[in-house]
N, C-alpha and C. Protein backbone atom coordinates (compact mmCIF):
# COMPACT_ATOMS: atom_id res chain seq x y z
N MET A 1 -9.66 4.41 -22.33
CA MET A 1 -10.05 3.78 -21.09
C MET A 1 -9.41 4.50 -19.90
N GLU A 2 -8.12 4.74 -20.00
CA GLU A 2 -7.40 5.41 -18.91
C GLU A 2 -7.87 6.85 -18.76
N GLY A 3 -8.19 7.48 -19.88
CA GLY A 3 -8.69 8.85 -19.83
C GLY A 3 -10.01 8.94 -19.09
N SER A 4 -10.90 7.99 -19.34
CA SER A 4 -12.19 8.00 -18.64
C SER A 4 -12.01 7.75 -17.15
N PHE A 5 -11.02 6.95 -16.79
CA PHE A 5 -10.73 6.71 -15.38
C PHE A 5 -10.30 8.01 -14.70
N TYR A 6 -9.37 8.73 -15.31
CA TYR A 6 -8.91 9.98 -14.70
C TYR A 6 -9.99 11.05 -14.72
N LEU A 7 -10.84 11.05 -15.73
CA LEU A 7 -11.96 11.99 -15.75
C LEU A 7 -12.92 11.69 -14.60
N SER A 8 -13.20 10.41 -14.36
CA SER A 8 -14.08 10.04 -13.25
C SER A 8 -13.46 10.42 -11.90
N LEU A 9 -12.14 10.25 -11.77
CA LEU A 9 -11.47 10.66 -10.53
C LEU A 9 -11.57 12.16 -10.32
N MET A 10 -11.41 12.91 -11.41
CA MET A 10 -11.46 14.36 -11.32
C MET A 10 -12.85 14.83 -10.89
N ILE A 11 -13.89 14.23 -11.45
CA ILE A 11 -15.26 14.63 -11.12
C ILE A 11 -15.66 14.15 -9.73
N SER A 12 -15.29 12.92 -9.40
CA SER A 12 -15.73 12.34 -8.11
C SER A 12 -15.09 13.03 -6.91
N GLN A 13 -13.96 13.67 -7.08
CA GLN A 13 -13.34 14.31 -5.93
C GLN A 13 -14.14 15.52 -5.45
N PHE A 14 -15.05 16.04 -6.28
CA PHE A 14 -15.92 17.12 -5.84
C PHE A 14 -17.00 16.61 -4.89
N PHE A 15 -17.32 15.33 -4.97
CA PHE A 15 -18.36 14.74 -4.14
C PHE A 15 -17.80 13.90 -3.00
N ASP A 16 -16.51 13.71 -2.98
CA ASP A 16 -15.84 12.92 -1.96
C ASP A 16 -15.46 13.82 -0.78
N THR A 17 -14.91 13.24 0.26
CA THR A 17 -14.43 14.00 1.41
C THR A 17 -13.31 14.93 0.95
N LYS A 18 -13.41 16.20 1.34
CA LYS A 18 -12.37 17.17 0.96
C LYS A 18 -11.05 16.81 1.63
N ARG A 19 -10.01 16.76 0.83
CA ARG A 19 -8.68 16.44 1.35
C ARG A 19 -7.78 17.68 1.23
N LYS A 20 -6.65 17.63 1.94
CA LYS A 20 -5.73 18.77 1.93
C LYS A 20 -5.15 19.02 0.54
N ASP A 21 -4.98 17.95 -0.22
CA ASP A 21 -4.37 18.09 -1.55
C ASP A 21 -5.40 18.13 -2.67
N PHE A 22 -6.57 18.67 -2.39
CA PHE A 22 -7.67 18.70 -3.36
C PHE A 22 -7.25 19.36 -4.67
N TRP A 23 -6.73 20.59 -4.59
CA TRP A 23 -6.39 21.33 -5.81
C TRP A 23 -5.18 20.73 -6.51
N GLU A 24 -4.24 20.19 -5.76
CA GLU A 24 -3.08 19.54 -6.39
C GLU A 24 -3.52 18.33 -7.20
N MET A 25 -4.43 17.53 -6.63
CA MET A 25 -4.92 16.36 -7.35
C MET A 25 -5.79 16.77 -8.54
N PHE A 26 -6.55 17.84 -8.40
CA PHE A 26 -7.36 18.33 -9.50
C PHE A 26 -6.47 18.73 -10.67
N ILE A 27 -5.42 19.49 -10.39
CA ILE A 27 -4.49 19.90 -11.44
C ILE A 27 -3.76 18.68 -12.02
N HIS A 28 -3.41 17.72 -11.16
CA HIS A 28 -2.77 16.50 -11.62
C HIS A 28 -3.68 15.75 -12.60
N HIS A 29 -4.96 15.66 -12.29
CA HIS A 29 -5.89 14.95 -13.18
C HIS A 29 -6.07 15.69 -14.50
N ILE A 30 -6.11 17.01 -14.47
CA ILE A 30 -6.21 17.78 -15.71
C ILE A 30 -4.95 17.59 -16.56
N ALA A 31 -3.78 17.65 -15.93
CA ALA A 31 -2.53 17.45 -16.67
C ALA A 31 -2.47 16.05 -17.27
N THR A 32 -2.91 15.05 -16.51
CA THR A 32 -2.91 13.68 -17.01
C THR A 32 -3.84 13.54 -18.21
N LEU A 33 -5.02 14.14 -18.12
CA LEU A 33 -5.96 14.09 -19.24
C LEU A 33 -5.40 14.78 -20.47
N CYS A 34 -4.69 15.89 -20.27
CA CYS A 34 -4.07 16.59 -21.40
C CYS A 34 -2.98 15.74 -22.04
N LEU A 35 -2.18 15.05 -21.21
CA LEU A 35 -1.13 14.19 -21.74
C LEU A 35 -1.71 12.99 -22.48
N ILE A 36 -2.77 12.40 -21.94
CA ILE A 36 -3.42 11.27 -22.62
C ILE A 36 -4.01 11.73 -23.94
N GLY A 37 -4.71 12.88 -23.91
CA GLY A 37 -5.29 13.41 -25.14
C GLY A 37 -4.23 13.79 -26.16
N GLY A 38 -3.14 14.40 -25.72
CA GLY A 38 -2.06 14.76 -26.63
C GLY A 38 -1.40 13.55 -27.25
N SER A 39 -1.24 12.50 -26.45
CA SER A 39 -0.67 11.26 -26.96
C SER A 39 -1.58 10.65 -28.03
N TYR A 40 -2.87 10.70 -27.77
CA TYR A 40 -3.85 10.14 -28.71
C TYR A 40 -3.90 10.97 -30.00
N LEU A 41 -4.00 12.29 -29.83
CA LEU A 41 -4.10 13.17 -31.01
C LEU A 41 -2.81 13.17 -31.83
N GLY A 42 -1.68 12.97 -31.17
CA GLY A 42 -0.40 12.94 -31.87
C GLY A 42 -0.09 11.59 -32.50
N GLY A 43 -0.96 10.62 -32.27
CA GLY A 43 -0.75 9.31 -32.86
C GLY A 43 0.31 8.48 -32.15
N CYS A 44 0.66 8.87 -30.93
CA CYS A 44 1.69 8.15 -30.17
C CYS A 44 1.03 7.17 -29.21
N TYR A 45 0.26 6.24 -29.75
CA TYR A 45 -0.52 5.32 -28.93
C TYR A 45 0.37 4.42 -28.09
N ARG A 46 1.38 3.84 -28.72
CA ARG A 46 2.24 2.90 -28.01
C ARG A 46 3.05 3.59 -26.91
N ILE A 47 3.57 4.76 -27.22
CA ILE A 47 4.35 5.50 -26.24
C ILE A 47 3.46 5.89 -25.06
N GLY A 48 2.27 6.39 -25.36
CA GLY A 48 1.34 6.76 -24.30
C GLY A 48 0.96 5.57 -23.43
N ALA A 49 0.74 4.43 -24.05
CA ALA A 49 0.39 3.23 -23.29
C ALA A 49 1.55 2.79 -22.40
N LEU A 50 2.77 2.85 -22.92
CA LEU A 50 3.93 2.47 -22.10
C LEU A 50 4.13 3.41 -20.92
N VAL A 51 3.91 4.68 -21.12
CA VAL A 51 4.04 5.64 -20.02
C VAL A 51 2.98 5.36 -18.96
N MET A 52 1.76 5.08 -19.38
CA MET A 52 0.69 4.80 -18.42
C MET A 52 0.98 3.52 -17.64
N VAL A 53 1.48 2.50 -18.31
CA VAL A 53 1.79 1.24 -17.62
C VAL A 53 2.89 1.45 -16.59
N THR A 54 3.93 2.18 -16.96
CA THR A 54 5.02 2.39 -16.01
C THR A 54 4.57 3.22 -14.81
N HIS A 55 3.59 4.09 -14.99
CA HIS A 55 3.06 4.86 -13.87
C HIS A 55 2.11 4.04 -13.01
N ASP A 56 1.31 3.19 -13.63
CA ASP A 56 0.27 2.48 -12.89
C ASP A 56 0.77 1.29 -12.10
N ILE A 57 1.93 0.75 -12.42
CA ILE A 57 2.44 -0.41 -11.69
C ILE A 57 2.65 -0.08 -10.21
N ALA A 58 3.19 1.07 -9.91
CA ALA A 58 3.44 1.44 -8.52
C ALA A 58 2.14 1.65 -7.75
N ASP A 59 1.07 2.04 -8.43
CA ASP A 59 -0.20 2.29 -7.76
C ASP A 59 -0.81 1.03 -7.16
N ILE A 60 -0.50 -0.13 -7.71
CA ILE A 60 -1.01 -1.39 -7.16
C ILE A 60 -0.51 -1.56 -5.72
N PHE A 61 0.76 -1.32 -5.50
CA PHE A 61 1.34 -1.45 -4.17
C PHE A 61 0.84 -0.36 -3.23
N LEU A 62 0.63 0.84 -3.76
CA LEU A 62 0.13 1.93 -2.93
C LEU A 62 -1.28 1.63 -2.44
N GLU A 63 -2.13 1.11 -3.32
CA GLU A 63 -3.49 0.76 -2.91
C GLU A 63 -3.49 -0.39 -1.92
N ALA A 64 -2.57 -1.34 -2.06
CA ALA A 64 -2.45 -2.43 -1.08
C ALA A 64 -2.05 -1.88 0.28
N ALA A 65 -1.14 -0.91 0.29
CA ALA A 65 -0.71 -0.30 1.54
C ALA A 65 -1.86 0.45 2.20
N LYS A 66 -2.65 1.17 1.42
CA LYS A 66 -3.82 1.88 1.97
C LYS A 66 -4.82 0.89 2.54
N LEU A 67 -5.03 -0.21 1.83
CA LEU A 67 -5.94 -1.24 2.31
C LEU A 67 -5.45 -1.82 3.64
N GLY A 68 -4.14 -2.03 3.74
CA GLY A 68 -3.56 -2.51 4.99
C GLY A 68 -3.79 -1.55 6.15
N ILE A 69 -3.73 -0.25 5.86
CA ILE A 69 -3.98 0.75 6.90
C ILE A 69 -5.45 0.71 7.32
N TYR A 70 -6.36 0.64 6.35
CA TYR A 70 -7.79 0.61 6.67
C TYR A 70 -8.16 -0.64 7.46
N LEU A 71 -7.56 -1.78 7.11
CA LEU A 71 -7.84 -3.03 7.79
C LEU A 71 -7.01 -3.23 9.05
N GLN A 72 -6.07 -2.31 9.29
CA GLN A 72 -5.14 -2.36 10.41
C GLN A 72 -4.29 -3.63 10.37
N TRP A 73 -3.87 -4.00 9.16
CA TRP A 73 -2.94 -5.11 8.95
C TRP A 73 -1.58 -4.48 8.69
N VAL A 74 -0.77 -4.45 9.71
CA VAL A 74 0.54 -3.78 9.62
C VAL A 74 1.42 -4.44 8.56
N TRP A 75 1.38 -5.75 8.47
CA TRP A 75 2.22 -6.46 7.51
C TRP A 75 1.88 -6.06 6.07
N LEU A 76 0.58 -5.85 5.80
CA LEU A 76 0.19 -5.47 4.45
C LEU A 76 0.56 -4.02 4.15
N SER A 77 0.34 -3.13 5.12
CA SER A 77 0.68 -1.73 4.89
C SER A 77 2.19 -1.54 4.74
N ASN A 78 2.97 -2.20 5.58
CA ASN A 78 4.43 -2.09 5.46
C ASN A 78 4.93 -2.71 4.16
N GLY A 79 4.43 -3.89 3.82
CA GLY A 79 4.83 -4.53 2.57
C GLY A 79 4.38 -3.73 1.35
N GLY A 80 3.18 -3.15 1.44
CA GLY A 80 2.68 -2.34 0.34
C GLY A 80 3.52 -1.10 0.11
N PHE A 81 3.88 -0.42 1.20
CA PHE A 81 4.71 0.78 1.06
C PHE A 81 6.12 0.43 0.60
N ALA A 82 6.65 -0.70 1.06
CA ALA A 82 7.97 -1.13 0.59
C ALA A 82 7.91 -1.46 -0.90
N GLY A 83 6.86 -2.17 -1.32
CA GLY A 83 6.68 -2.49 -2.74
C GLY A 83 6.47 -1.24 -3.58
N PHE A 84 5.71 -0.28 -3.02
CA PHE A 84 5.49 0.98 -3.73
C PHE A 84 6.80 1.72 -3.94
N THR A 85 7.60 1.83 -2.89
CA THR A 85 8.87 2.54 -2.99
C THR A 85 9.79 1.89 -4.00
N LEU A 86 9.91 0.58 -3.91
CA LEU A 86 10.79 -0.14 -4.83
C LEU A 86 10.31 -0.04 -6.27
N SER A 87 9.01 -0.25 -6.49
CA SER A 87 8.49 -0.19 -7.86
C SER A 87 8.53 1.24 -8.41
N TRP A 88 8.35 2.23 -7.53
CA TRP A 88 8.42 3.62 -7.99
C TRP A 88 9.83 3.94 -8.47
N ILE A 89 10.82 3.52 -7.69
CA ILE A 89 12.21 3.77 -8.08
C ILE A 89 12.54 3.05 -9.38
N ILE A 90 12.15 1.78 -9.49
CA ILE A 90 12.48 0.99 -10.67
C ILE A 90 11.76 1.52 -11.91
N PHE A 91 10.45 1.69 -11.82
CA PHE A 91 9.67 2.01 -13.01
C PHE A 91 9.64 3.49 -13.35
N ARG A 92 9.46 4.36 -12.37
CA ARG A 92 9.35 5.78 -12.70
C ARG A 92 10.70 6.45 -12.89
N LEU A 93 11.70 5.99 -12.17
CA LEU A 93 13.02 6.59 -12.34
C LEU A 93 13.86 5.83 -13.35
N GLY A 94 13.77 4.50 -13.34
CA GLY A 94 14.58 3.69 -14.24
C GLY A 94 13.96 3.49 -15.61
N VAL A 95 12.85 2.77 -15.64
CA VAL A 95 12.22 2.41 -16.92
C VAL A 95 11.73 3.65 -17.67
N LEU A 96 11.12 4.58 -16.94
CA LEU A 96 10.61 5.78 -17.61
C LEU A 96 11.74 6.64 -18.18
N SER A 97 12.89 6.66 -17.52
CA SER A 97 14.04 7.40 -18.06
C SER A 97 14.53 6.78 -19.36
N VAL A 98 14.63 5.45 -19.37
CA VAL A 98 15.04 4.75 -20.59
C VAL A 98 14.01 4.95 -21.68
N LEU A 99 12.72 4.89 -21.31
CA LEU A 99 11.65 5.10 -22.27
C LEU A 99 11.71 6.51 -22.85
N GLY A 100 11.94 7.50 -21.99
CA GLY A 100 12.05 8.88 -22.47
C GLY A 100 13.21 9.06 -23.42
N PHE A 101 14.33 8.45 -23.12
CA PHE A 101 15.49 8.52 -23.99
C PHE A 101 15.21 7.87 -25.34
N SER A 102 14.53 6.71 -25.31
CA SER A 102 14.22 6.04 -26.58
C SER A 102 13.19 6.82 -27.38
N ILE A 103 12.29 7.54 -26.70
CA ILE A 103 11.32 8.39 -27.42
C ILE A 103 12.06 9.51 -28.14
N VAL A 104 13.02 10.12 -27.46
CA VAL A 104 13.81 11.19 -28.09
C VAL A 104 14.54 10.66 -29.31
N LEU A 105 15.15 9.48 -29.19
CA LEU A 105 15.84 8.89 -30.34
C LEU A 105 14.88 8.57 -31.48
N TYR A 106 13.69 8.08 -31.13
CA TYR A 106 12.69 7.75 -32.14
C TYR A 106 12.24 9.02 -32.88
N LEU A 107 11.96 10.08 -32.13
CA LEU A 107 11.52 11.33 -32.76
C LEU A 107 12.63 11.94 -33.60
N LYS A 108 13.87 11.79 -33.16
CA LYS A 108 14.99 12.28 -33.94
C LYS A 108 15.10 11.53 -35.26
N GLN A 109 14.86 10.23 -35.19
CA GLN A 109 14.91 9.39 -36.37
C GLN A 109 13.77 9.73 -37.34
N MET A 110 12.61 10.10 -36.78
CA MET A 110 11.46 10.45 -37.61
C MET A 110 11.52 11.91 -38.10
N ARG A 111 12.47 12.66 -37.57
CA ARG A 111 12.68 14.08 -37.92
C ARG A 111 11.47 14.95 -37.54
N LEU A 112 10.95 14.70 -36.33
CA LEU A 112 9.82 15.51 -35.85
C LEU A 112 10.28 16.57 -34.91
């Protein structure tokens, strides 16, 4: 499901308004698809799902902040960016670090 979402984002950006970070986002989407595919092919379904969840939580606040900018609701954009910053620090730096460490321990235990 997540792979099809990133594939649609990668394709749709060719038909959307050209942005300054076009090629960076294109490479990001390819890398994400490779990581999702590698997780699936390697049989690491749970680990892949946990990584995707920890990445996607911050996006909820980012999209709320963008919506606040489009609607010119300062309170929503400020709150969204504050929530994005806080959730990014907690989940991508904190939870993902712990998850990465536990993955290393798991693979060491499995002797892979």
